[in-house]
N, C-alpha and C. Protein backbone atom coordinates (compact mmCIF):
# COMPACT_ATOMS: atom_id res chain seq x y z
N MET A 1 -16.57 22.45 -3.35
CA MET A 1 -15.78 22.55 -2.14
C MET A 1 -14.32 22.76 -2.52
N LYS A 2 -13.91 22.15 -3.59
CA LYS A 2 -12.51 22.24 -4.01
C LYS A 2 -12.16 23.73 -4.35
N GLN A 3 -13.02 24.37 -5.08
CA GLN A 3 -12.75 25.76 -5.44
C GLN A 3 -12.77 26.62 -4.19
N ALA A 4 -13.65 26.38 -3.21
CA ALA A 4 -13.69 27.12 -2.01
C ALA A 4 -12.41 27.07 -1.22
N GLN A 5 -11.76 25.88 -1.21
CA GLN A 5 -10.50 25.74 -0.49
C GLN A 5 -9.39 26.56 -1.16
N TRP A 6 -9.39 26.54 -2.46
CA TRP A 6 -8.36 27.42 -3.13
C TRP A 6 -8.63 28.92 -2.87
N GLU A 7 -9.92 29.25 -2.87
CA GLU A 7 -10.23 30.69 -2.65
C GLU A 7 -9.91 31.07 -1.16
N ALA A 8 -10.12 30.18 -0.26
CA ALA A 8 -9.80 30.44 1.15
C ALA A 8 -8.32 30.59 1.31
N GLY A 9 -7.53 29.76 0.64
CA GLY A 9 -6.06 29.90 0.71
C GLY A 9 -5.57 31.18 0.12
N SER A 10 -6.17 31.61 -0.97
CA SER A 10 -5.73 32.88 -1.57
C SER A 10 -6.17 34.08 -0.70
N CYS A 11 -7.31 33.98 0.01
CA CYS A 11 -7.68 34.99 0.95
C CYS A 11 -6.73 35.13 2.12
N LEU A 12 -6.12 34.00 2.46
CA LEU A 12 -5.07 34.04 3.52
C LEU A 12 -3.71 34.58 3.02
N GLY A 13 -3.64 34.81 1.72
CA GLY A 13 -2.35 35.35 1.18
C GLY A 13 -1.37 34.29 0.80
N LEU A 14 -1.85 33.08 0.66
CA LEU A 14 -0.88 31.98 0.35
C LEU A 14 -0.69 31.89 -1.16
N SER A 15 0.47 31.53 -1.60
CA SER A 15 0.76 31.30 -2.99
C SER A 15 0.09 30.00 -3.44
N ALA A 16 0.06 29.80 -4.70
CA ALA A 16 -0.57 28.56 -5.19
C ALA A 16 0.12 27.32 -4.65
N TRP A 17 1.43 27.36 -4.59
CA TRP A 17 2.18 26.25 -4.03
C TRP A 17 1.90 26.06 -2.55
N GLN A 18 1.82 27.11 -1.79
CA GLN A 18 1.50 26.99 -0.33
C GLN A 18 0.06 26.50 -0.16
N GLN A 19 -0.86 26.94 -1.01
CA GLN A 19 -2.23 26.43 -0.91
C GLN A 19 -2.28 24.94 -1.13
N PHE A 20 -1.54 24.48 -2.15
CA PHE A 20 -1.50 23.05 -2.45
C PHE A 20 -0.87 22.32 -1.28
N ARG A 21 0.28 22.80 -0.80
CA ARG A 21 1.09 22.10 0.25
C ARG A 21 0.36 22.07 1.56
N HIS A 22 -0.26 23.13 2.00
CA HIS A 22 -0.88 23.18 3.33
C HIS A 22 -2.35 22.87 3.37
N ILE A 23 -3.12 23.00 2.26
CA ILE A 23 -4.54 22.80 2.31
C ILE A 23 -4.94 21.58 1.48
N ILE A 24 -4.58 21.55 0.24
CA ILE A 24 -5.11 20.56 -0.71
C ILE A 24 -4.46 19.20 -0.54
N ALA A 25 -3.12 19.13 -0.56
CA ALA A 25 -2.38 17.87 -0.48
C ALA A 25 -2.66 17.07 0.78
N PRO A 26 -2.71 17.69 1.98
CA PRO A 26 -2.96 16.84 3.17
C PRO A 26 -4.37 16.15 3.10
N GLN A 27 -5.34 16.87 2.55
CA GLN A 27 -6.69 16.27 2.51
C GLN A 27 -6.73 15.20 1.41
N ALA A 28 -6.05 15.40 0.30
CA ALA A 28 -6.03 14.42 -0.78
C ALA A 28 -5.27 13.16 -0.28
N LEU A 29 -4.19 13.31 0.41
CA LEU A 29 -3.41 12.22 0.88
C LEU A 29 -4.20 11.40 1.94
N ARG A 30 -4.89 12.11 2.81
CA ARG A 30 -5.70 11.45 3.80
C ARG A 30 -6.85 10.61 3.17
N LEU A 31 -7.41 11.08 2.07
CA LEU A 31 -8.48 10.37 1.41
C LEU A 31 -7.95 9.20 0.54
N SER A 32 -6.78 9.41 -0.10
CA SER A 32 -6.30 8.42 -1.05
C SER A 32 -5.40 7.33 -0.48
N LEU A 33 -4.92 7.52 0.72
CA LEU A 33 -4.02 6.54 1.31
C LEU A 33 -4.57 5.15 1.51
N PRO A 34 -5.72 4.94 2.10
CA PRO A 34 -6.22 3.59 2.25
C PRO A 34 -6.44 2.81 0.96
N PRO A 35 -7.06 3.36 -0.06
CA PRO A 35 -7.22 2.60 -1.34
C PRO A 35 -5.93 2.36 -1.97
N THR A 36 -4.96 3.27 -1.89
CA THR A 36 -3.67 3.11 -2.52
C THR A 36 -2.88 1.97 -1.90
N VAL A 37 -2.90 1.86 -0.57
CA VAL A 37 -2.22 0.80 0.06
C VAL A 37 -2.89 -0.55 -0.18
N GLY A 38 -4.20 -0.53 -0.21
CA GLY A 38 -4.94 -1.72 -0.58
C GLY A 38 -4.58 -2.24 -1.96
N PHE A 39 -4.45 -1.31 -2.84
CA PHE A 39 -4.03 -1.66 -4.22
C PHE A 39 -2.62 -2.21 -4.25
N LEU A 40 -1.68 -1.60 -3.50
CA LEU A 40 -0.34 -2.09 -3.42
C LEU A 40 -0.27 -3.49 -2.88
N VAL A 41 -1.06 -3.79 -1.87
CA VAL A 41 -1.08 -5.15 -1.29
C VAL A 41 -1.61 -6.15 -2.29
N GLN A 42 -2.67 -5.76 -3.03
CA GLN A 42 -3.19 -6.66 -4.07
C GLN A 42 -2.16 -6.84 -5.20
N LEU A 43 -1.42 -5.78 -5.51
CA LEU A 43 -0.42 -5.80 -6.52
C LEU A 43 0.70 -6.82 -6.13
N ILE A 44 1.11 -6.79 -4.86
CA ILE A 44 2.15 -7.70 -4.38
C ILE A 44 1.60 -9.15 -4.46
N LYS A 45 0.36 -9.36 -4.06
CA LYS A 45 -0.19 -10.76 -4.03
C LYS A 45 -0.52 -11.25 -5.47
N GLY A 46 -0.85 -10.35 -6.36
CA GLY A 46 -1.34 -10.74 -7.66
C GLY A 46 -0.30 -10.82 -8.76
N THR A 47 0.86 -10.30 -8.58
CA THR A 47 1.85 -10.25 -9.62
C THR A 47 3.01 -11.19 -9.32
N SER A 48 3.77 -11.42 -10.32
CA SER A 48 4.97 -12.29 -10.15
C SER A 48 5.98 -11.49 -9.34
N LEU A 49 6.64 -12.22 -8.43
CA LEU A 49 7.70 -11.66 -7.63
C LEU A 49 9.07 -11.93 -8.22
N ALA A 50 9.11 -11.90 -9.57
CA ALA A 50 10.34 -12.25 -10.27
C ALA A 50 11.54 -11.34 -9.88
N SER A 51 11.20 -10.10 -9.62
CA SER A 51 12.35 -9.21 -9.29
C SER A 51 12.94 -9.55 -7.90
N ILE A 52 12.19 -10.18 -7.07
CA ILE A 52 12.71 -10.49 -5.72
C ILE A 52 13.25 -11.87 -5.66
N LEU A 53 12.52 -12.81 -6.21
CA LEU A 53 12.80 -14.26 -6.01
C LEU A 53 13.42 -14.96 -7.19
N GLY A 54 13.75 -14.29 -8.25
CA GLY A 54 14.35 -14.98 -9.40
C GLY A 54 13.31 -15.07 -10.53
N PHE A 55 13.50 -16.08 -11.35
CA PHE A 55 12.64 -16.20 -12.50
C PHE A 55 11.30 -16.96 -12.26
N VAL A 56 11.22 -17.69 -11.15
CA VAL A 56 10.00 -18.40 -10.92
C VAL A 56 9.16 -17.70 -9.88
N GLU A 57 7.94 -17.36 -10.14
CA GLU A 57 7.16 -16.68 -9.14
C GLU A 57 6.84 -17.55 -7.93
N LEU A 58 6.48 -16.93 -6.82
CA LEU A 58 6.35 -17.66 -5.59
C LEU A 58 5.28 -18.73 -5.59
N ALA A 59 4.10 -18.45 -6.12
CA ALA A 59 3.02 -19.39 -6.17
C ALA A 59 3.39 -20.61 -7.02
N ARG A 60 4.06 -20.37 -8.13
CA ARG A 60 4.46 -21.46 -9.00
C ARG A 60 5.52 -22.31 -8.32
N ALA A 61 6.48 -21.66 -7.60
CA ALA A 61 7.50 -22.37 -6.88
C ALA A 61 6.87 -23.27 -5.81
N GLY A 62 5.85 -22.75 -5.16
CA GLY A 62 5.10 -23.57 -4.16
C GLY A 62 4.47 -24.75 -4.75
N GLN A 63 3.93 -24.59 -5.94
CA GLN A 63 3.27 -25.74 -6.64
C GLN A 63 4.31 -26.75 -7.03
N VAL A 64 5.45 -26.37 -7.48
CA VAL A 64 6.51 -27.30 -7.92
C VAL A 64 7.02 -28.03 -6.67
N VAL A 65 7.29 -27.30 -5.56
CA VAL A 65 7.78 -27.97 -4.35
C VAL A 65 6.70 -28.91 -3.79
N SER A 66 5.46 -28.51 -3.82
CA SER A 66 4.34 -29.38 -3.31
C SER A 66 4.28 -30.66 -4.13
N ALA A 67 4.44 -30.56 -5.39
CA ALA A 67 4.40 -31.79 -6.22
C ALA A 67 5.59 -32.65 -6.00
N ALA A 68 6.73 -32.09 -5.68
CA ALA A 68 7.96 -32.85 -5.47
C ALA A 68 7.97 -33.55 -4.13
N THR A 69 7.45 -32.83 -3.08
CA THR A 69 7.57 -33.34 -1.74
C THR A 69 6.30 -34.02 -1.24
N PHE A 70 5.18 -33.91 -1.95
CA PHE A 70 3.94 -34.44 -1.53
C PHE A 70 3.49 -33.93 -0.17
N GLN A 71 3.82 -32.68 0.13
CA GLN A 71 3.43 -31.99 1.37
C GLN A 71 2.80 -30.69 1.03
N PRO A 72 1.60 -30.71 0.47
CA PRO A 72 1.02 -29.41 0.03
C PRO A 72 0.64 -28.44 1.16
N LEU A 73 0.21 -28.98 2.25
CA LEU A 73 -0.20 -28.12 3.41
C LEU A 73 0.98 -27.37 3.88
N LEU A 74 2.09 -27.99 4.14
CA LEU A 74 3.29 -27.32 4.60
C LEU A 74 3.84 -26.33 3.57
N THR A 75 3.88 -26.75 2.32
CA THR A 75 4.40 -25.84 1.25
C THR A 75 3.54 -24.58 1.08
N TYR A 76 2.25 -24.75 0.97
CA TYR A 76 1.39 -23.59 0.74
C TYR A 76 1.26 -22.71 2.03
N ALA A 77 1.50 -23.34 3.15
CA ALA A 77 1.50 -22.53 4.42
C ALA A 77 2.80 -21.65 4.41
N LEU A 78 3.85 -22.19 3.95
CA LEU A 78 5.09 -21.40 3.81
C LEU A 78 4.94 -20.25 2.80
N VAL A 79 4.34 -20.60 1.66
CA VAL A 79 4.09 -19.61 0.61
C VAL A 79 3.23 -18.45 1.21
N ALA A 80 2.12 -18.80 1.92
CA ALA A 80 1.24 -17.84 2.58
C ALA A 80 2.07 -17.01 3.59
N ALA A 81 2.97 -17.64 4.30
CA ALA A 81 3.73 -16.87 5.32
C ALA A 81 4.68 -15.86 4.62
N ILE A 82 5.21 -16.26 3.51
CA ILE A 82 6.04 -15.31 2.76
C ILE A 82 5.27 -14.14 2.24
N TYR A 83 4.12 -14.43 1.65
CA TYR A 83 3.22 -13.30 1.17
C TYR A 83 2.84 -12.41 2.37
N PHE A 84 2.50 -13.03 3.50
CA PHE A 84 2.19 -12.26 4.73
C PHE A 84 3.33 -11.38 5.17
N ALA A 85 4.54 -11.94 5.14
CA ALA A 85 5.72 -11.20 5.48
C ALA A 85 6.02 -10.02 4.55
N LEU A 86 5.59 -10.16 3.29
CA LEU A 86 5.73 -9.09 2.34
C LEU A 86 4.69 -7.99 2.51
N CYS A 87 3.47 -8.38 2.90
CA CYS A 87 2.38 -7.43 2.97
C CYS A 87 2.22 -6.76 4.34
N LEU A 88 2.67 -7.48 5.42
CA LEU A 88 2.49 -6.91 6.78
C LEU A 88 3.19 -5.54 6.98
N PRO A 89 4.48 -5.40 6.63
CA PRO A 89 5.16 -4.14 6.85
C PRO A 89 4.41 -2.95 6.11
N LEU A 90 3.97 -3.23 4.91
CA LEU A 90 3.23 -2.21 4.14
C LEU A 90 1.91 -1.82 4.82
N THR A 91 1.20 -2.78 5.38
CA THR A 91 -0.01 -2.52 6.09
C THR A 91 0.22 -1.76 7.38
N LEU A 92 1.23 -2.19 8.16
CA LEU A 92 1.57 -1.43 9.39
C LEU A 92 2.01 -0.04 9.11
N TRP A 93 2.80 0.12 8.04
CA TRP A 93 3.23 1.46 7.71
C TRP A 93 2.05 2.34 7.35
N SER A 94 1.07 1.78 6.64
CA SER A 94 -0.14 2.50 6.25
C SER A 94 -0.92 2.90 7.46
N ARG A 95 -1.10 1.95 8.40
CA ARG A 95 -1.84 2.29 9.62
C ARG A 95 -1.20 3.45 10.39
N SER A 96 0.13 3.38 10.55
CA SER A 96 0.81 4.45 11.30
C SER A 96 0.70 5.78 10.53
N LEU A 97 0.80 5.72 9.22
CA LEU A 97 0.66 6.96 8.46
C LEU A 97 -0.77 7.53 8.53
N GLU A 98 -1.79 6.64 8.48
CA GLU A 98 -3.18 7.09 8.61
C GLU A 98 -3.39 7.71 9.99
N ALA A 99 -2.85 7.13 11.05
CA ALA A 99 -3.03 7.64 12.36
C ALA A 99 -2.37 9.00 12.52
N ARG A 100 -1.20 9.13 11.88
CA ARG A 100 -0.50 10.46 11.97
C ARG A 100 -1.24 11.49 11.13
N LEU A 101 -1.86 11.14 10.06
CA LEU A 101 -2.57 12.11 9.24
C LEU A 101 -3.94 12.40 9.73
N ASP A 102 -4.42 11.62 10.63
CA ASP A 102 -5.87 11.81 11.13
C ASP A 102 -5.92 13.08 11.96
N GLY A 103 -6.59 14.05 11.43
CA GLY A 103 -6.64 15.39 12.09
C GLY A 103 -7.70 15.47 13.22
N SER A 104 -8.60 14.44 13.30
CA SER A 104 -9.67 14.51 14.28
C SER A 104 -9.24 14.07 15.64
N ARG A 105 -8.09 13.45 15.78
CA ARG A 105 -7.62 12.98 17.03
C ARG A 105 -6.74 13.94 17.74
């Protein structure tokens, strides 16, 4: 199917760049967007946030605060809220981009 799309684009008189820009790239973006955003959310949750929060990662900071205050429920709820606040904008942006790229609607 991939070869047929390139051939159809060349039959329309499009250059290779125009074929990629108008035919191939939109379909590839539509297919790859959900797994890419899912990977980015997992990357945010699974890696150290040292670049944002300093030298101590968020989960470790929650563990230290929980041990110091003896309030693990409150501490880990706050840590979860921070992770949620980091991931929610990315997810909402992904949904709006997917809706805009959905050609069937």
